[in-house]
Amino acid sequence: MEADTMRILCGANYYEQKFYLNPAYDALPQVVKDELKILCVLFVQEVSGIIILEFSEEGDLRIVVTHNEDDFYFDEIGSELKIREMREKNRELFEQLEAYYDALCG
């Protein structure tokens, strides 16, 4: 499978109240898919905006957060703190996802 189609793992959008999991990752265990959904949805419920988990060209899992310019509820400081907390609490999961990505696209 081409690496470009695999770059985005998942994301959640506060404005549309939607979660997206890239169909290329349907083979992940259901418990992992559920955990990703919980992480992303709770993130946008807490700070607003849009969160995307994607892989860099080197295979590192990145957390990208954006928001609408007119979203006065978006908590930029809370967003940074939540990302740091998410990385710490889910270090093992993220490392496993990076290894999975490497095996698929390596």
N, C-alpha and C. Protein backbone atom coordinates (compact mmCIF):
# COMPACT_ATOMS: atom_id res chain seq x y z
N MET A 1 0.84 -1.18 0.00
CA MET A 1 0.00 0.00 0.00
C MET A 1 0.88 1.24 0.00
N GLU A 2 0.47 2.28 -0.72
CA GLU A 2 1.25 3.49 -0.85
C GLU A 2 1.28 4.27 0.47
N ALA A 3 2.44 4.78 0.81
CA ALA A 3 2.61 5.50 2.07
C ALA A 3 1.73 6.73 2.15
N ASP A 4 1.52 7.44 1.03
CA ASP A 4 0.70 8.65 1.07
C ASP A 4 -0.73 8.39 1.52
N THR A 5 -1.30 7.28 1.10
CA THR A 5 -2.67 6.96 1.51
C THR A 5 -2.72 6.49 2.95
N MET A 6 -1.57 6.15 3.48
CA MET A 6 -1.49 5.64 4.85
C MET A 6 -1.12 6.73 5.86
N ARG A 7 -0.76 7.91 5.42
CA ARG A 7 -0.24 8.94 6.31
C ARG A 7 -1.22 9.32 7.41
N ILE A 8 -2.49 9.54 7.07
CA ILE A 8 -3.46 9.92 8.09
C ILE A 8 -4.02 8.65 8.73
N LEU A 9 -3.90 8.58 10.03
CA LEU A 9 -4.41 7.45 10.79
C LEU A 9 -5.87 7.69 11.14
N CYS A 10 -6.14 8.80 11.81
CA CYS A 10 -7.50 9.08 12.25
C CYS A 10 -7.63 10.55 12.65
N GLY A 11 -8.84 10.96 12.95
CA GLY A 11 -9.05 12.32 13.38
C GLY A 11 -10.47 12.52 13.88
N ALA A 12 -10.67 13.65 14.53
CA ALA A 12 -12.00 14.02 15.02
C ALA A 12 -12.21 15.50 14.78
N ASN A 13 -13.45 15.85 14.46
CA ASN A 13 -13.80 17.22 14.14
C ASN A 13 -14.91 17.67 15.08
N TYR A 14 -14.62 18.65 15.92
CA TYR A 14 -15.60 19.15 16.87
C TYR A 14 -16.77 19.80 16.14
N TYR A 15 -16.49 20.52 15.08
CA TYR A 15 -17.52 21.29 14.39
C TYR A 15 -18.54 20.41 13.70
N GLU A 16 -18.10 19.30 13.15
CA GLU A 16 -19.00 18.38 12.47
C GLU A 16 -19.42 17.20 13.34
N GLN A 17 -18.84 17.12 14.56
CA GLN A 17 -19.13 16.02 15.48
C GLN A 17 -18.90 14.67 14.81
N LYS A 18 -17.71 14.54 14.17
CA LYS A 18 -17.40 13.30 13.46
C LYS A 18 -16.02 12.79 13.84
N PHE A 19 -15.89 11.47 13.76
CA PHE A 19 -14.62 10.78 13.93
C PHE A 19 -14.32 10.07 12.62
N TYR A 20 -13.06 10.08 12.22
CA TYR A 20 -12.65 9.41 10.99
C TYR A 20 -11.48 8.48 11.29
N LEU A 21 -11.60 7.24 10.83
CA LEU A 21 -10.49 6.30 10.88
C LEU A 21 -10.21 5.88 9.44
N ASN A 22 -8.99 6.08 9.00
CA ASN A 22 -8.59 5.72 7.64
C ASN A 22 -8.90 4.24 7.40
N PRO A 23 -9.68 3.92 6.37
CA PRO A 23 -10.03 2.52 6.08
C PRO A 23 -8.80 1.63 5.87
N ALA A 24 -7.66 2.22 5.55
CA ALA A 24 -6.44 1.44 5.39
C ALA A 24 -6.02 0.77 6.69
N TYR A 25 -6.59 1.23 7.81
CA TYR A 25 -6.24 0.68 9.13
C TYR A 25 -7.35 -0.19 9.72
N ASP A 26 -8.25 -0.66 8.89
CA ASP A 26 -9.33 -1.53 9.36
C ASP A 26 -8.81 -2.80 10.01
N ALA A 27 -7.61 -3.22 9.66
CA ALA A 27 -7.05 -4.47 10.21
C ALA A 27 -6.55 -4.30 11.65
N LEU A 28 -6.50 -3.07 12.14
CA LEU A 28 -6.09 -2.88 13.54
C LEU A 28 -7.09 -3.58 14.46
N PRO A 29 -6.62 -4.07 15.60
CA PRO A 29 -7.56 -4.68 16.55
C PRO A 29 -8.63 -3.67 16.98
N GLN A 30 -9.83 -4.16 17.20
CA GLN A 30 -10.95 -3.28 17.56
C GLN A 30 -10.64 -2.46 18.81
N VAL A 31 -9.93 -3.04 19.76
CA VAL A 31 -9.61 -2.32 20.99
C VAL A 31 -8.72 -1.10 20.69
N VAL A 32 -7.83 -1.21 19.73
CA VAL A 32 -6.97 -0.09 19.34
C VAL A 32 -7.80 0.97 18.63
N LYS A 33 -8.68 0.55 17.72
CA LYS A 33 -9.54 1.51 17.02
C LYS A 33 -10.44 2.24 18.02
N ASP A 34 -10.96 1.52 19.00
CA ASP A 34 -11.80 2.15 20.02
C ASP A 34 -11.00 3.16 20.84
N GLU A 35 -9.78 2.80 21.20
CA GLU A 35 -8.93 3.69 21.98
C GLU A 35 -8.61 4.97 21.20
N LEU A 36 -8.32 4.84 19.93
CA LEU A 36 -8.06 6.01 19.09
C LEU A 36 -9.28 6.92 19.01
N LYS A 37 -10.44 6.32 18.88
CA LYS A 37 -11.68 7.11 18.82
C LYS A 37 -11.89 7.85 20.13
N ILE A 38 -11.70 7.17 21.23
CA ILE A 38 -11.88 7.81 22.54
C ILE A 38 -10.90 8.97 22.70
N LEU A 39 -9.63 8.75 22.37
CA LEU A 39 -8.61 9.80 22.49
C LEU A 39 -8.99 11.04 21.69
N CYS A 40 -9.35 10.83 20.44
CA CYS A 40 -9.63 11.96 19.56
C CYS A 40 -10.92 12.69 19.93
N VAL A 41 -11.97 11.93 20.19
CA VAL A 41 -13.26 12.55 20.51
C VAL A 41 -13.18 13.30 21.84
N LEU A 42 -12.56 12.72 22.85
CA LEU A 42 -12.43 13.42 24.12
C LEU A 42 -11.60 14.69 23.97
N PHE A 43 -10.57 14.63 23.12
CA PHE A 43 -9.73 15.80 22.89
C PHE A 43 -10.56 16.97 22.36
N VAL A 44 -11.32 16.73 21.28
CA VAL A 44 -12.08 17.84 20.69
C VAL A 44 -13.25 18.27 21.57
N GLN A 45 -13.78 17.36 22.36
CA GLN A 45 -14.84 17.75 23.28
C GLN A 45 -14.30 18.69 24.37
N GLU A 46 -13.05 18.47 24.73
CA GLU A 46 -12.45 19.28 25.79
C GLU A 46 -11.92 20.62 25.30
N VAL A 47 -11.27 20.64 24.13
CA VAL A 47 -10.62 21.88 23.69
C VAL A 47 -11.21 22.46 22.40
N SER A 48 -12.12 21.73 21.73
CA SER A 48 -12.72 22.14 20.46
C SER A 48 -11.74 21.88 19.32
N GLY A 49 -12.04 22.36 18.14
CA GLY A 49 -11.13 22.23 17.01
C GLY A 49 -11.17 20.88 16.31
N ILE A 50 -10.08 20.60 15.61
CA ILE A 50 -9.92 19.38 14.83
C ILE A 50 -8.58 18.76 15.19
N ILE A 51 -8.59 17.46 15.46
CA ILE A 51 -7.35 16.74 15.74
C ILE A 51 -7.15 15.68 14.68
N ILE A 52 -5.91 15.55 14.23
CA ILE A 52 -5.56 14.52 13.26
C ILE A 52 -4.30 13.82 13.76
N LEU A 53 -4.34 12.50 13.78
CA LEU A 53 -3.15 11.70 14.06
C LEU A 53 -2.65 11.21 12.72
N GLU A 54 -1.41 11.59 12.39
CA GLU A 54 -0.84 11.22 11.10
C GLU A 54 0.61 10.83 11.28
N PHE A 55 1.10 10.12 10.29
CA PHE A 55 2.49 9.70 10.30
C PHE A 55 3.32 10.64 9.44
N SER A 56 4.50 10.98 9.94
CA SER A 56 5.44 11.79 9.17
C SER A 56 6.09 10.90 8.11
N GLU A 57 6.87 11.50 7.24
CA GLU A 57 7.56 10.71 6.22
C GLU A 57 8.51 9.70 6.85
N GLU A 58 9.01 10.02 8.05
CA GLU A 58 9.93 9.13 8.76
C GLU A 58 9.19 8.05 9.54
N GLY A 59 7.85 8.14 9.60
CA GLY A 59 7.07 7.13 10.30
C GLY A 59 6.73 7.48 11.73
N ASP A 60 7.03 8.71 12.15
CA ASP A 60 6.68 9.14 13.51
C ASP A 60 5.22 9.57 13.54
N LEU A 61 4.52 9.20 14.61
CA LEU A 61 3.13 9.59 14.77
C LEU A 61 3.06 11.03 15.27
N ARG A 62 2.40 11.87 14.49
CA ARG A 62 2.26 13.28 14.85
C ARG A 62 0.82 13.58 15.21
N ILE A 63 0.65 14.55 16.11
CA ILE A 63 -0.67 15.01 16.49
C ILE A 63 -0.80 16.44 15.97
N VAL A 64 -1.72 16.63 15.04
CA VAL A 64 -1.93 17.94 14.43
C VAL A 64 -3.29 18.47 14.86
N VAL A 65 -3.28 19.70 15.37
CA VAL A 65 -4.52 20.32 15.84
C VAL A 65 -4.72 21.64 15.10
N THR A 66 -5.94 21.82 14.59
CA THR A 66 -6.31 23.08 13.95
C THR A 66 -7.65 23.53 14.50
N HIS A 67 -8.01 24.76 14.21
CA HIS A 67 -9.32 25.26 14.64
C HIS A 67 -9.76 26.38 13.72
N ASN A 68 -11.05 26.62 13.69
CA ASN A 68 -11.59 27.73 12.92
C ASN A 68 -11.17 29.04 13.57
N GLU A 69 -10.89 30.04 12.74
CA GLU A 69 -10.45 31.33 13.27
C GLU A 69 -11.50 31.96 14.17
N ASP A 70 -12.77 31.72 13.88
CA ASP A 70 -13.83 32.33 14.68
C ASP A 70 -14.28 31.46 15.85
N ASP A 71 -13.52 30.44 16.17
CA ASP A 71 -13.84 29.56 17.29
C ASP A 71 -13.25 30.13 18.57
N PHE A 72 -14.05 30.89 19.28
CA PHE A 72 -13.58 31.53 20.50
C PHE A 72 -13.56 30.57 21.68
N TYR A 73 -14.07 29.36 21.49
CA TYR A 73 -14.05 28.35 22.54
C TYR A 73 -12.78 27.50 22.49
N PHE A 74 -12.04 27.59 21.38
CA PHE A 74 -10.82 26.79 21.27
C PHE A 74 -9.84 27.21 22.34
N ASP A 75 -9.32 26.22 23.06
CA ASP A 75 -8.39 26.45 24.16
C ASP A 75 -6.98 26.07 23.71
N GLU A 76 -6.22 27.06 23.26
CA GLU A 76 -4.88 26.79 22.72
C GLU A 76 -3.93 26.25 23.77
N ILE A 77 -3.95 26.84 24.96
CA ILE A 77 -3.07 26.35 26.04
C ILE A 77 -3.51 24.96 26.47
N GLY A 78 -4.80 24.78 26.63
CA GLY A 78 -5.33 23.47 27.00
C GLY A 78 -5.00 22.42 25.95
N SER A 79 -5.00 22.83 24.70
CA SER A 79 -4.67 21.93 23.60
C SER A 79 -3.25 21.42 23.73
N GLU A 80 -2.31 22.31 23.96
CA GLU A 80 -0.91 21.92 24.11
C GLU A 80 -0.71 21.00 25.31
N LEU A 81 -1.36 21.33 26.41
CA LEU A 81 -1.26 20.49 27.61
C LEU A 81 -1.87 19.11 27.37
N LYS A 82 -2.99 19.08 26.69
CA LYS A 82 -3.68 17.82 26.41
C LYS A 82 -2.84 16.94 25.46
N ILE A 83 -2.18 17.55 24.48
CA ILE A 83 -1.32 16.79 23.57
C ILE A 83 -0.16 16.17 24.36
N ARG A 84 0.45 16.96 25.23
CA ARG A 84 1.56 16.45 26.05
C ARG A 84 1.09 15.28 26.91
N GLU A 85 -0.06 15.45 27.53
CA GLU A 85 -0.63 14.39 28.38
C GLU A 85 -0.95 13.15 27.55
N MET A 86 -1.51 13.36 26.36
CA MET A 86 -1.86 12.25 25.48
C MET A 86 -0.62 11.46 25.08
N ARG A 87 0.45 12.16 24.76
CA ARG A 87 1.71 11.50 24.37
C ARG A 87 2.28 10.68 25.53
N GLU A 88 2.24 11.24 26.72
CA GLU A 88 2.79 10.53 27.89
C GLU A 88 1.97 9.30 28.23
N LYS A 89 0.66 9.45 28.31
CA LYS A 89 -0.21 8.35 28.70
C LYS A 89 -0.28 7.23 27.67
N ASN A 90 -0.06 7.58 26.41
CA ASN A 90 -0.23 6.61 25.33
C ASN A 90 1.07 6.32 24.59
N ARG A 91 2.18 6.51 25.27
CA ARG A 91 3.49 6.31 24.64
C ARG A 91 3.61 4.92 24.02
N GLU A 92 3.22 3.90 24.76
CA GLU A 92 3.35 2.53 24.26
C GLU A 92 2.45 2.29 23.05
N LEU A 93 1.22 2.76 23.12
CA LEU A 93 0.29 2.61 21.99
C LEU A 93 0.84 3.32 20.76
N PHE A 94 1.34 4.52 20.92
CA PHE A 94 1.87 5.28 19.79
C PHE A 94 3.10 4.60 19.20
N GLU A 95 3.96 4.04 20.05
CA GLU A 95 5.14 3.32 19.56
C GLU A 95 4.71 2.09 18.76
N GLN A 96 3.69 1.40 19.24
CA GLN A 96 3.19 0.22 18.53
C GLN A 96 2.57 0.60 17.19
N LEU A 97 1.87 1.73 17.16
CA LEU A 97 1.29 2.20 15.90
C LEU A 97 2.38 2.59 14.90
N GLU A 98 3.46 3.18 15.39
CA GLU A 98 4.59 3.53 14.53
C GLU A 98 5.22 2.27 13.95
N ALA A 99 5.35 1.23 14.77
CA ALA A 99 5.92 -0.04 14.30
C ALA A 99 4.98 -0.69 13.27
N TYR A 100 3.69 -0.61 13.50
CA TYR A 100 2.68 -1.13 12.57
C TYR A 100 2.78 -0.41 11.23
N TYR A 101 2.88 0.92 11.30
CA TYR A 101 3.01 1.72 10.08
C TYR A 101 4.29 1.36 9.33
N ASP A 102 5.37 1.22 10.06
CA ASP A 102 6.65 0.85 9.45
C ASP A 102 6.55 -0.50 8.74
N ALA A 103 5.87 -1.45 9.37
CA ALA A 103 5.72 -2.78 8.77
C ALA A 103 4.87 -2.72 7.49
N LEU A 104 3.87 -1.84 7.48
CA LEU A 104 3.00 -1.73 6.30
C LEU A 104 3.64 -0.95 5.16
N CYS A 105 4.37 0.09 5.52
CA CYS A 105 4.87 1.02 4.49
C CYS A 105 6.38 1.02 4.37
N GLY A 106 7.07 0.41 5.34
CA GLY A 106 8.52 0.41 5.43
C GLY A 106 9.19 0.27 4.16
